[in-house]
Structures are given as C-alpha cells and as structure tokens.
Amino acid sequence: MSEAIPSEVRGRLQWSLLALRLGVFIVMFVWTLDKFFNPGHSIKIFEKFYAISGLGESIAYALGALQLILILAFLAGLQKRLTYGLIFLLHGGSTLSAMGQYLDPFNNLLFFAAWPMWAACLALYLLRTEDTKFTLSKSA
C-alpha cells in the first residue's frame, strides 16, 4: 500500500498513526497501573462489568503484568498483527461490557470516550503496515 501513497501524505499518515498509538498507549498504561496500585478497584471492575468474582490481588497483579507486556509491545510496534489486534479486542470487550452505562448517557458521559478510542484501535490495526514512525518493527 505504501507505494500508492504520495510521500507527503505518507509522512502525515505516519505521524497521525503515531499520535493514535501514543494516545491509546497512555490510556491502556493508566489502566495497567491501576492493577498494580489499586488492585481492589480492578477486582471490582471485573465483578461489575465482566461478572467475574473472586479474583484476588495476585490475579490483578498477574493480569497487570501481562497487560504491561502487551502495551509495551504495542507501543514499540512489535508483532503488529498480534499486539494491535489484541489491543483492539481488549478495548472492544471493555467498551461493550459497559453497555448498561450507555443507556443512562448523561450520568455516564465518560464511558462514551471508549468509542472513539476503539475506533482509533481499529484504524491502527487496519493501517498497521503504514504505522512505522518510531517502531521497532516495520512489518505487520
């Protein structure tokens, strides 16, 4: 696809994809830190939004460690098909699990920010071969 894109547009596209990747990373990084600094909050989220109860702090820490590995690989642009795809799926699951919050929009406005972020995750996945600015892997 790169051959068909004029170099001027390709440069702007690469900077745009980098901005999306950094933005998604920042949100995912804070969610990851929450698992380490406030595991009780993560446990409550799993109970409320995913109907998974009985998670202990050690599980929250383990999930945080796995998520940290994933988001760092995503930030570095490694194994893009896998990491960008997993980020899209994880954020999609999170977005859809909060469906009840969208039914009361004016008391849950911040939940709506999940939709444009999910769209950014999809754009990154679909354009992963063009996302080469400051990545360790130039292939998808």
Protein backbone atom coordinates (compact mmCIF):
# COMPACT_ATOMS: atom_id res chain seq x y z
CA MET A 1 0.00 0.00 0.00
CA SER A 2 2.88 2.41 0.74
CA GLU A 3 3.80 2.65 -2.94
CA ALA A 4 0.43 4.18 -3.84
CA ILE A 5 0.61 6.88 -1.17
CA PRO A 6 2.46 10.10 -2.07
CA SER A 7 5.40 10.69 0.27
CA GLU A 8 3.90 13.93 1.63
CA VAL A 9 0.69 12.12 2.61
CA ARG A 10 2.61 9.08 3.90
CA GLY A 11 4.56 11.33 6.27
CA ARG A 12 1.39 12.89 7.67
CA LEU A 13 -0.22 9.47 7.94
CA GLN A 14 2.73 8.07 9.87
CA TRP A 15 2.69 10.99 12.32
CA SER A 16 -1.08 10.59 12.72
CA LEU A 17 -0.77 6.86 13.41
CA LEU A 18 2.00 7.55 15.93
CA ALA A 19 -0.30 10.05 17.70
CA LEU A 20 -3.08 7.44 17.82
CA ARG A 21 -0.69 4.76 19.10
CA LEU A 22 0.61 7.06 21.84
CA GLY A 23 -2.90 8.12 22.83
CA VAL A 24 -4.15 4.54 23.07
CA PHE A 25 -1.00 3.56 24.96
CA ILE A 26 -1.46 6.33 27.55
CA VAL A 27 -5.00 5.17 28.38
CA MET A 28 -4.00 1.49 28.47
CA PHE A 29 -0.92 2.32 30.58
CA VAL A 30 -3.01 4.06 33.25
CA TRP A 31 -5.44 1.12 33.28
CA THR A 32 -2.44 -1.18 33.72
CA LEU A 33 -1.01 0.89 36.56
CA ASP A 34 -4.40 0.73 38.26
CA LYS A 35 -4.00 -3.05 38.54
CA PHE A 36 -0.74 -2.56 40.46
CA PHE A 37 -1.56 0.49 42.59
CA ASN A 38 -5.23 -0.22 43.26
CA PRO A 39 -5.87 -3.94 42.68
CA GLY A 40 -9.13 -3.72 44.65
CA HIS A 41 -10.50 -1.35 42.01
CA SER A 42 -9.59 -3.79 39.25
CA ILE A 43 -11.26 -6.62 41.16
CA LYS A 44 -14.47 -4.54 41.45
CA ILE A 45 -14.38 -3.76 37.71
CA PHE A 46 -14.11 -7.46 36.87
CA GLU A 47 -17.07 -8.17 39.15
CA LYS A 48 -19.29 -5.35 37.85
CA PHE A 49 -18.54 -5.32 34.13
CA TYR A 50 -17.38 -8.88 33.38
CA ALA A 51 -19.34 -10.84 36.03
CA ILE A 52 -16.09 -12.42 37.25
CA SER A 53 -15.93 -12.55 41.02
CA GLY A 54 -13.42 -13.92 43.45
CA LEU A 55 -10.31 -12.51 41.79
CA GLY A 56 -7.58 -11.91 44.31
CA GLU A 57 -4.91 -9.26 44.30
CA SER A 58 -2.36 -11.73 42.94
CA ILE A 59 -4.56 -12.26 39.86
CA ALA A 60 -4.88 -8.48 39.42
CA TYR A 61 -1.08 -8.19 39.58
CA ALA A 62 -0.64 -11.05 37.09
CA LEU A 63 -3.15 -9.50 34.68
CA GLY A 64 -1.38 -6.17 35.10
CA ALA A 65 1.96 -7.77 34.25
CA LEU A 66 0.55 -9.42 31.12
CA GLN A 67 -1.15 -6.20 30.10
CA LEU A 68 2.09 -4.25 30.65
CA ILE A 69 3.98 -6.62 28.34
CA LEU A 70 1.26 -6.27 25.71
CA ILE A 71 1.03 -2.49 25.78
CA LEU A 72 4.81 -2.05 25.73
CA ALA A 73 5.00 -4.33 22.66
CA PHE A 74 2.12 -2.32 21.15
CA LEU A 75 3.91 0.96 21.86
CA ALA A 76 7.10 -0.38 20.26
CA GLY A 77 5.18 -1.60 17.22
CA LEU A 78 6.20 -5.23 17.69
CA GLN A 79 4.20 -8.08 16.14
CA LYS A 80 1.62 -5.56 14.98
CA ARG A 81 -0.97 -8.05 13.74
CA LEU A 82 -0.99 -9.68 17.18
CA THR A 83 -0.47 -6.71 19.51
CA TYR A 84 -2.66 -4.21 17.65
CA GLY A 85 -5.30 -6.92 17.25
CA LEU A 86 -5.25 -7.81 20.94
CA ILE A 87 -5.46 -4.14 21.93
CA PHE A 88 -8.48 -3.75 19.61
CA LEU A 89 -10.17 -6.85 21.06
CA LEU A 90 -9.42 -5.98 24.70
CA HIS A 91 -10.63 -2.44 24.35
CA GLY A 92 -13.67 -3.64 22.42
CA GLY A 93 -14.53 -6.05 25.21
CA SER A 94 -14.18 -3.27 27.72
CA THR A 95 -16.31 -0.92 25.63
CA LEU A 96 -19.09 -3.44 25.06
CA SER A 97 -19.09 -4.69 28.66
CA ALA A 98 -20.21 -1.23 29.76
CA MET A 99 -23.33 -1.34 27.56
CA GLY A 100 -25.58 -0.60 30.53
CA GLN A 101 -23.77 2.67 31.13
CA TYR A 102 -24.70 3.90 27.63
CA LEU A 103 -28.38 3.55 28.45
CA ASP A 104 -28.03 6.34 31.01
CA PRO A 105 -25.76 8.63 28.99
CA PHE A 106 -25.96 11.84 30.97
CA ASN A 107 -24.84 10.13 34.16
CA ASN A 108 -22.09 8.21 32.40
CA LEU A 109 -20.63 10.65 29.88
CA LEU A 110 -17.02 9.50 30.31
CA PHE A 111 -17.93 5.99 29.15
CA PHE A 112 -18.61 7.41 25.70
CA ALA A 113 -14.91 8.23 25.31
CA ALA A 114 -14.38 4.50 24.84
CA TRP A 115 -15.98 4.57 21.37
CA PRO A 116 -13.55 6.94 19.62
CA MET A 117 -10.67 5.13 21.30
CA TRP A 118 -12.00 1.82 19.98
CA ALA A 119 -12.21 3.44 16.53
CA ALA A 120 -8.57 4.52 16.91
CA CYS A 121 -7.63 0.94 17.79
CA LEU A 122 -9.39 -0.27 14.64
CA ALA A 123 -7.66 2.36 12.49
CA LEU A 124 -4.29 1.34 13.92
CA TYR A 125 -4.99 -2.31 13.22
CA LEU A 126 -6.17 -1.70 9.66
CA LEU A 127 -3.27 0.68 8.89
CA ARG A 128 -0.61 -1.23 10.86
CA THR A 129 1.67 -1.60 7.82
CA GLU A 130 1.77 2.18 7.49
CA ASP A 131 2.44 2.74 11.21
CA THR A 132 6.24 2.81 11.08
CA LYS A 133 7.18 6.04 12.88
CA PHE A 134 9.32 5.12 15.92
CA THR A 135 8.51 1.41 15.75
CA LEU A 136 10.96 -1.42 16.23
CA SER A 137 9.31 -3.49 13.50
CA LYS A 138 8.42 -2.09 10.10
CA SER A 139 6.35 -5.16 9.12
CA ALA A 140 2.81 -6.01 10.15
